[in-house]
Amino acid sequence: MDLVVIFKSSNLNDAGLVRARLEAAGFHPVLANEYTANVFGSGPYSIAPVHIQVPAEEAEDAREFLAAP
């Protein structure tokens, strides 16, 4: 299965919210690079961006979903 990155963030909380929204909408997101996370100050942030990936066949629809108000 080919995965496509549709969201990047250095904030684990933001990435978690996006992942939850996608799952609730019926997409199949995968959180990647979460192992690079460190805690700085008041919240968890990562050294490298956390990626949300979806199967290639869902990528266009998932991007449209995230862009909708």
PDB file of N, CA and C in Angstrom:
ATOM      1  N   MET A   1       0.842  -1.172   0.000  1.00  0.00           N
ATOM      2  CA  MET A   1       0.000   0.000   0.000  1.00  0.00           C
ATOM      3  C   MET A   1       0.889   1.237   0.000  1.00  0.00           C
ATOM      4  N   ASP A   2       0.683   2.120  -0.960  1.00  0.00           N
ATOM      5  CA  ASP A   2       1.428   3.374  -1.031  1.00  0.00           C
ATOM      6  C   ASP A   2       0.756   4.413  -0.154  1.00  0.00           C
ATOM      7  N   LEU A   3       1.565   5.093   0.678  1.00  0.00           N
ATOM      8  CA  LEU A   3       1.054   6.149   1.539  1.00  0.00           C
ATOM      9  C   LEU A   3       1.539   7.494   1.041  1.00  0.00           C
ATOM     10  N   VAL A   4       0.692   8.510   1.203  1.00  0.00           N
ATOM     11  CA  VAL A   4       0.998   9.866   0.762  1.00  0.00           C
ATOM     12  C   VAL A   4       0.881  10.800   1.971  1.00  0.00           C
ATOM     13  N   VAL A   5       1.866  11.671   2.151  1.00  0.00           N
ATOM     14  CA  VAL A   5       1.823  12.653   3.238  1.00  0.00           C
ATOM     15  C   VAL A   5       0.837  13.754   2.848  1.00  0.00           C
ATOM     16  N   ILE A   6      -0.135  14.018   3.737  1.00  0.00           N
ATOM     17  CA  ILE A   6      -1.101  15.081   3.453  1.00  0.00           C
ATOM     18  C   ILE A   6      -1.060  16.186   4.504  1.00  0.00           C
ATOM     19  N   PHE A   7      -0.294  15.983   5.581  1.00  0.00           N
ATOM     20  CA  PHE A   7      -0.213  16.985   6.643  1.00  0.00           C
ATOM     21  C   PHE A   7       1.109  16.816   7.365  1.00  0.00           C
ATOM     22  N   LYS A   8       1.749  17.954   7.690  1.00  0.00           N
ATOM     23  CA  LYS A   8       2.986  17.946   8.472  1.00  0.00           C
ATOM     24  C   LYS A   8       2.841  18.975   9.585  1.00  0.00           C
ATOM     25  N   SER A   9       3.366  18.642  10.749  1.00  0.00           N
ATOM     26  CA  SER A   9       3.341  19.580  11.865  1.00  0.00           C
ATOM     27  C   SER A   9       4.461  19.254  12.831  1.00  0.00           C
ATOM     28  N   SER A  10       4.986  20.274  13.476  1.00  0.00           N
ATOM     29  CA  SER A  10       5.969  20.043  14.523  1.00  0.00           C
ATOM     30  C   SER A  10       5.281  19.950  15.877  1.00  0.00           C
ATOM     31  N   ASN A  11       3.951  20.046  15.889  1.00  0.00           N
ATOM     32  CA  ASN A  11       3.176  19.956  17.120  1.00  0.00           C
ATOM     33  C   ASN A  11       2.390  18.648  17.124  1.00  0.00           C
ATOM     34  N   LEU A  12       2.699  17.779  18.068  1.00  0.00           N
ATOM     35  CA  LEU A  12       2.036  16.480  18.140  1.00  0.00           C
ATOM     36  C   LEU A  12       0.538  16.607  18.406  1.00  0.00           C
ATOM     37  N   ASN A  13       0.144  17.616  19.166  1.00  0.00           N
ATOM     38  CA  ASN A  13      -1.276  17.807  19.443  1.00  0.00           C
ATOM     39  C   ASN A  13      -2.047  18.120  18.159  1.00  0.00           C
ATOM     40  N   ASP A  14      -1.503  19.010  17.341  1.00  0.00           N
ATOM     41  CA  ASP A  14      -2.148  19.336  16.062  1.00  0.00           C
ATOM     42  C   ASP A  14      -2.258  18.099  15.179  1.00  0.00           C
ATOM     43  N   ALA A  15      -1.185  17.347  15.101  1.00  0.00           N
ATOM     44  CA  ALA A  15      -1.188  16.135  14.278  1.00  0.00           C
ATOM     45  C   ALA A  15      -2.216  15.130  14.795  1.00  0.00           C
ATOM     46  N   GLY A  16      -2.329  15.012  16.101  1.00  0.00           N
ATOM     47  CA  GLY A  16      -3.303  14.100  16.682  1.00  0.00           C
ATOM     48  C   GLY A  16      -4.735  14.505  16.368  1.00  0.00           C
ATOM     49  N   LEU A  17      -5.007  15.810  16.388  1.00  0.00           N
ATOM     50  CA  LEU A  17      -6.342  16.297  16.053  1.00  0.00           C
ATOM     51  C   LEU A  17      -6.677  16.036  14.593  1.00  0.00           C
ATOM     52  N   VAL A  18      -5.715  16.268  13.712  1.00  0.00           N
ATOM     53  CA  VAL A  18      -5.942  16.015  12.285  1.00  0.00           C
ATOM     54  C   VAL A  18      -6.183  14.529  12.061  1.00  0.00           C
ATOM     55  N   ARG A  19      -5.401  13.705  12.700  1.00  0.00           N
ATOM     56  CA  ARG A  19      -5.584  12.258  12.557  1.00  0.00           C
ATOM     57  C   ARG A  19      -6.983  11.839  13.028  1.00  0.00           C
ATOM     58  N   ALA A  20      -7.415  12.365  14.162  1.00  0.00           N
ATOM     59  CA  ALA A  20      -8.734  12.023  14.693  1.00  0.00           C
ATOM     60  C   ALA A  20      -9.851  12.482  13.759  1.00  0.00           C
ATOM     61  N   ARG A  21      -9.717  13.687  13.191  1.00  0.00           N
ATOM     62  CA  ARG A  21     -10.720  14.181  12.238  1.00  0.00           C
ATOM     63  C   ARG A  21     -10.811  13.267  11.024  1.00  0.00           C
ATOM     64  N   LEU A  22      -9.647  12.869  10.506  1.00  0.00           N
ATOM     65  CA  LEU A  22      -9.633  11.998   9.335  1.00  0.00           C
ATOM     66  C   LEU A  22     -10.246  10.634   9.644  1.00  0.00           C
ATOM     67  N   GLU A  23      -9.906  10.071  10.793  1.00  0.00           N
ATOM     68  CA  GLU A  23     -10.477   8.775  11.175  1.00  0.00           C
ATOM     69  C   GLU A  23     -11.993   8.871  11.327  1.00  0.00           C
ATOM     70  N   ALA A  24     -12.475   9.951  11.951  1.00  0.00           N
ATOM     71  CA  ALA A  24     -13.917  10.126  12.146  1.00  0.00           C
ATOM     72  C   ALA A  24     -14.655  10.256  10.820  1.00  0.00           C
ATOM     73  N   ALA A  25     -13.949  10.751   9.799  1.00  0.00           N
ATOM     74  CA  ALA A  25     -14.552  10.919   8.476  1.00  0.00           C
ATOM     75  C   ALA A  25     -14.421   9.663   7.617  1.00  0.00           C
ATOM     76  N   GLY A  26     -13.803   8.617   8.163  1.00  0.00           N
ATOM     77  CA  GLY A  26     -13.715   7.352   7.435  1.00  0.00           C
ATOM     78  C   GLY A  26     -12.441   7.137   6.650  1.00  0.00           C
ATOM     79  N   PHE A  27     -11.473   8.043   6.814  1.00  0.00           N
ATOM     80  CA  PHE A  27     -10.183   7.857   6.154  1.00  0.00           C
ATOM     81  C   PHE A  27      -9.319   6.924   7.007  1.00  0.00           C
ATOM     82  N   HIS A  28      -8.170   6.539   6.484  1.00  0.00           N
ATOM     83  CA  HIS A  28      -7.270   5.613   7.165  1.00  0.00           C
ATOM     84  C   HIS A  28      -5.886   6.256   7.355  1.00  0.00           C
ATOM     85  N   PRO A  29      -5.807   7.255   8.248  1.00  0.00           N
ATOM     86  CA  PRO A  29      -4.539   7.964   8.436  1.00  0.00           C
ATOM     87  C   PRO A  29      -3.514   7.161   9.227  1.00  0.00           C
ATOM     88  N   VAL A  30      -2.260   7.454   8.940  1.00  0.00           N
ATOM     89  CA  VAL A  30      -1.131   6.849   9.643  1.00  0.00           C
ATOM     90  C   VAL A  30      -0.265   7.993  10.150  1.00  0.00           C
ATOM     91  N   LEU A  31       0.078   7.964  11.421  1.00  0.00           N
ATOM     92  CA  LEU A  31       0.941   8.972  12.019  1.00  0.00           C
ATOM     93  C   LEU A  31       2.379   8.490  11.884  1.00  0.00           C
ATOM     94  N   ALA A  32       3.221   9.272  11.240  1.00  0.00           N
ATOM     95  CA  ALA A  32       4.619   8.884  11.024  1.00  0.00           C
ATOM     96  C   ALA A  32       5.552   9.902  11.667  1.00  0.00           C
ATOM     97  N   ASN A  33       6.698   9.458  12.095  1.00  0.00           N
ATOM     98  CA  ASN A  33       7.748  10.273  12.715  1.00  0.00           C
ATOM     99  C   ASN A  33       7.399  10.704  14.127  1.00  0.00           C
ATOM    100  N   GLU A  34       6.379  10.114  14.740  1.00  0.00           N
ATOM    101  CA  GLU A  34       6.027  10.506  16.100  1.00  0.00           C
ATOM    102  C   GLU A  34       7.124  10.129  17.097  1.00  0.00           C
ATOM    103  N   TYR A  35       7.986   9.199  16.738  1.00  0.00           N
ATOM    104  CA  TYR A  35       9.060   8.773  17.621  1.00  0.00           C
ATOM    105  C   TYR A  35      10.108   9.854  17.812  1.00  0.00           C
ATOM    106  N   THR A  36      10.065  10.916  17.018  1.00  0.00           N
ATOM    107  CA  THR A  36      11.037  12.006  17.149  1.00  0.00           C
ATOM    108  C   THR A  36      10.595  13.037  18.173  1.00  0.00           C
ATOM    109  N   ALA A  37       9.486  12.784  18.835  1.00  0.00           N
ATOM    110  CA  ALA A  37       8.903  13.770  19.741  1.00  0.00           C
ATOM    111  C   ALA A  37       9.740  13.983  20.997  1.00  0.00           C
ATOM    112  N   ASN A  38       9.769  15.215  21.411  1.00  0.00           N
ATOM    113  CA  ASN A  38      10.363  15.615  22.671  1.00  0.00           C
ATOM    114  C   ASN A  38       9.422  16.622  23.310  1.00  0.00           C
ATOM    115  N   VAL A  39       9.534  16.787  24.606  1.00  0.00           N
ATOM    116  CA  VAL A  39       8.680  17.757  25.285  1.00  0.00           C
ATOM    117  C   VAL A  39       9.505  19.013  25.566  1.00  0.00           C
ATOM    118  N   PHE A  40       8.987  20.134  25.099  1.00  0.00           N
ATOM    119  CA  PHE A  40       9.621  21.422  25.333  1.00  0.00           C
ATOM    120  C   PHE A  40       8.566  22.356  25.906  1.00  0.00           C
ATOM    121  N   GLY A  41       8.837  22.980  27.029  1.00  0.00           N
ATOM    122  CA  GLY A  41       7.903  23.946  27.594  1.00  0.00           C
ATOM    123  C   GLY A  41       6.590  23.312  27.995  1.00  0.00           C
ATOM    124  N   SER A  42       5.501  23.871  27.476  1.00  0.00           N
ATOM    125  CA  SER A  42       4.174  23.461  27.945  1.00  0.00           C
ATOM    126  C   SER A  42       3.523  22.358  27.124  1.00  0.00           C
ATOM    127  N   GLY A  43       4.167  21.885  26.067  1.00  0.00           N
ATOM    128  CA  GLY A  43       3.513  20.862  25.271  1.00  0.00           C
ATOM    129  C   GLY A  43       4.487  20.024  24.488  1.00  0.00           C
ATOM    130  N   PRO A  44       3.991  18.926  23.923  1.00  0.00           N
ATOM    131  CA  PRO A  44       4.875  18.053  23.147  1.00  0.00           C
ATOM    132  C   PRO A  44       5.131  18.609  21.752  1.00  0.00           C
ATOM    133  N   TYR A  45       6.363  18.743  21.408  1.00  0.00           N
ATOM    134  CA  TYR A  45       6.766  19.180  20.074  1.00  0.00           C
ATOM    135  C   TYR A  45       7.790  18.192  19.546  1.00  0.00           C
ATOM    136  N   SER A  46       7.959  18.170  18.264  1.00  0.00           N
ATOM    137  CA  SER A  46       8.887  17.198  17.698  1.00  0.00           C
ATOM    138  C   SER A  46      10.105  17.883  17.121  1.00  0.00           C
ATOM    139  N   ILE A  47      11.176  17.130  16.999  1.00  0.00           N
ATOM    140  CA  ILE A  47      12.404  17.618  16.382  1.00  0.00           C
ATOM    141  C   ILE A  47      12.204  17.700  14.874  1.00  0.00           C
ATOM    142  N   ALA A  48      11.632  16.681  14.299  1.00  0.00           N
ATOM    143  CA  ALA A  48      11.306  16.643  12.878  1.00  0.00           C
ATOM    144  C   ALA A  48       9.791  16.669  12.759  1.00  0.00           C
ATOM    145  N   PRO A  49       9.268  17.175  11.660  1.00  0.00           N
ATOM    146  CA  PRO A  49       7.809  17.227  11.532  1.00  0.00           C
ATOM    147  C   PRO A  49       7.170  15.842  11.620  1.00  0.00           C
ATOM    148  N   VAL A  50       6.033  15.811  12.279  1.00  0.00           N
ATOM    149  CA  VAL A  50       5.209  14.613  12.320  1.00  0.00           C
ATOM    150  C   VAL A  50       4.383  14.616  11.045  1.00  0.00           C
ATOM    151  N   HIS A  51       4.287  13.483  10.386  1.00  0.00           N
ATOM    152  CA  HIS A  51       3.549  13.387   9.125  1.00  0.00           C
ATOM    153  C   HIS A  51       2.270  12.594   9.332  1.00  0.00           C
ATOM    154  N   ILE A  52       1.200  13.072   8.714  1.00  0.00           N
ATOM    155  CA  ILE A  52      -0.020  12.288   8.616  1.00  0.00           C
ATOM    156  C   ILE A  52      -0.065  11.787   7.179  1.00  0.00           C
ATOM    157  N   GLN A  53      -0.150  10.493   7.031  1.00  0.00           N
ATOM    158  CA  GLN A  53      -0.199   9.867   5.722  1.00  0.00           C
ATOM    159  C   GLN A  53      -1.517   9.127   5.564  1.00  0.00           C
ATOM    160  N   VAL A  54      -1.967   9.028   4.321  1.00  0.00           N
ATOM    161  CA  VAL A  54      -3.151   8.223   3.998  1.00  0.00           C
ATOM    162  C   VAL A  54      -2.811   7.389   2.775  1.00  0.00           C
ATOM    163  N   PRO A  55      -3.568   6.315   2.533  1.00  0.00           N
ATOM    164  CA  PRO A  55      -3.356   5.549   1.305  1.00  0.00           C
ATOM    165  C   PRO A  55      -3.504   6.473   0.089  1.00  0.00           C
ATOM    166  N   ALA A  56      -2.713   6.217  -0.935  1.00  0.00           N
ATOM    167  CA  ALA A  56      -2.674   7.083  -2.117  1.00  0.00           C
ATOM    168  C   ALA A  56      -4.057   7.325  -2.703  1.00  0.00           C
ATOM    169  N   GLU A  57      -4.909   6.304  -2.700  1.00  0.00           N
ATOM    170  CA  GLU A  57      -6.235   6.454  -3.297  1.00  0.00           C
ATOM    171  C   GLU A  57      -7.151   7.367  -2.477  1.00  0.00           C
ATOM    172  N   GLU A  58      -6.784   7.679  -1.231  1.00  0.00           N
ATOM    173  CA  GLU A  58      -7.574   8.579  -0.385  1.00  0.00           C
ATOM    174  C   GLU A  58      -6.999   9.983  -0.322  1.00  0.00           C
ATOM    175  N   ALA A  59      -5.808  10.197  -0.849  1.00  0.00           N
ATOM    176  CA  ALA A  59      -5.080  11.445  -0.644  1.00  0.00           C
ATOM    177  C   ALA A  59      -5.835  12.680  -1.127  1.00  0.00           C
ATOM    178  N   GLU A  60      -6.348  12.667  -2.329  1.00  0.00           N
ATOM    179  CA  GLU A  60      -7.031  13.846  -2.869  1.00  0.00           C
ATOM    180  C   GLU A  60      -8.268  14.189  -2.035  1.00  0.00           C
ATOM    181  N   ASP A  61      -9.078  13.185  -1.724  1.00  0.00           N
ATOM    182  CA  ASP A  61     -10.277  13.417  -0.925  1.00  0.00           C
ATOM    183  C   ASP A  61      -9.932  13.891   0.485  1.00  0.00           C
ATOM    184  N   ALA A  62      -8.883  13.329   1.062  1.00  0.00           N
ATOM    185  CA  ALA A  62      -8.478  13.730   2.424  1.00  0.00           C
ATOM    186  C   ALA A  62      -7.983  15.168   2.437  1.00  0.00           C
ATOM    187  N   ARG A  63      -7.230  15.573   1.422  1.00  0.00           N
ATOM    188  CA  ARG A  63      -6.772  16.979   1.346  1.00  0.00           C
ATOM    189  C   ARG A  63      -7.961  17.917   1.221  1.00  0.00           C
ATOM    190  N   GLU A  64      -8.924  17.562   0.387  1.00  0.00           N
ATOM    191  CA  GLU A  64     -10.127  18.387   0.230  1.00  0.00           C
ATOM    192  C   GLU A  64     -10.892  18.466   1.543  1.00  0.00           C
ATOM    193  N   PHE A  65     -10.989  17.353   2.232  1.00  0.00           N
ATOM    194  CA  PHE A  65     -11.673  17.314   3.519  1.00  0.00           C
ATOM    195  C   PHE A  65     -11.000  18.256   4.514  1.00  0.00           C
ATOM    196  N   LEU A  66      -9.685  18.218   4.602  1.00  0.00           N
ATOM    197  CA  LEU A  66      -8.958  19.072   5.548  1.00  0.00           C
ATOM    198  C   LEU A  66      -9.031  20.541   5.167  1.00  0.00           C
ATOM    199  N   ALA A  67      -9.144  20.843   3.892  1.00  0.00           N
ATOM    200  CA  ALA A  67      -9.205  22.229   3.428  1.00  0.00           C
ATOM    201  C   ALA A  67     -10.586  22.851   3.613  1.00  0.00           C
ATOM    202  N   ALA A  68     -11.602  22.016   3.768  1.00  0.00           N
ATOM    203  CA  ALA A  68     -12.977  22.529   3.916  1.00  0.00           C
ATOM    204  C   ALA A  68     -13.131  23.248   5.246  1.00  0.00           C
ATOM    205  N   PRO A  69     -13.940  24.309   5.258  1.00  0.00           N
ATOM    206  CA  PRO A  69     -14.140  25.066   6.517  1.00  0.00           C
ATOM    207  C   PRO A  69     -14.870  24.281   7.574  1.00  0.00           C
TER     208      PRO A  69
END
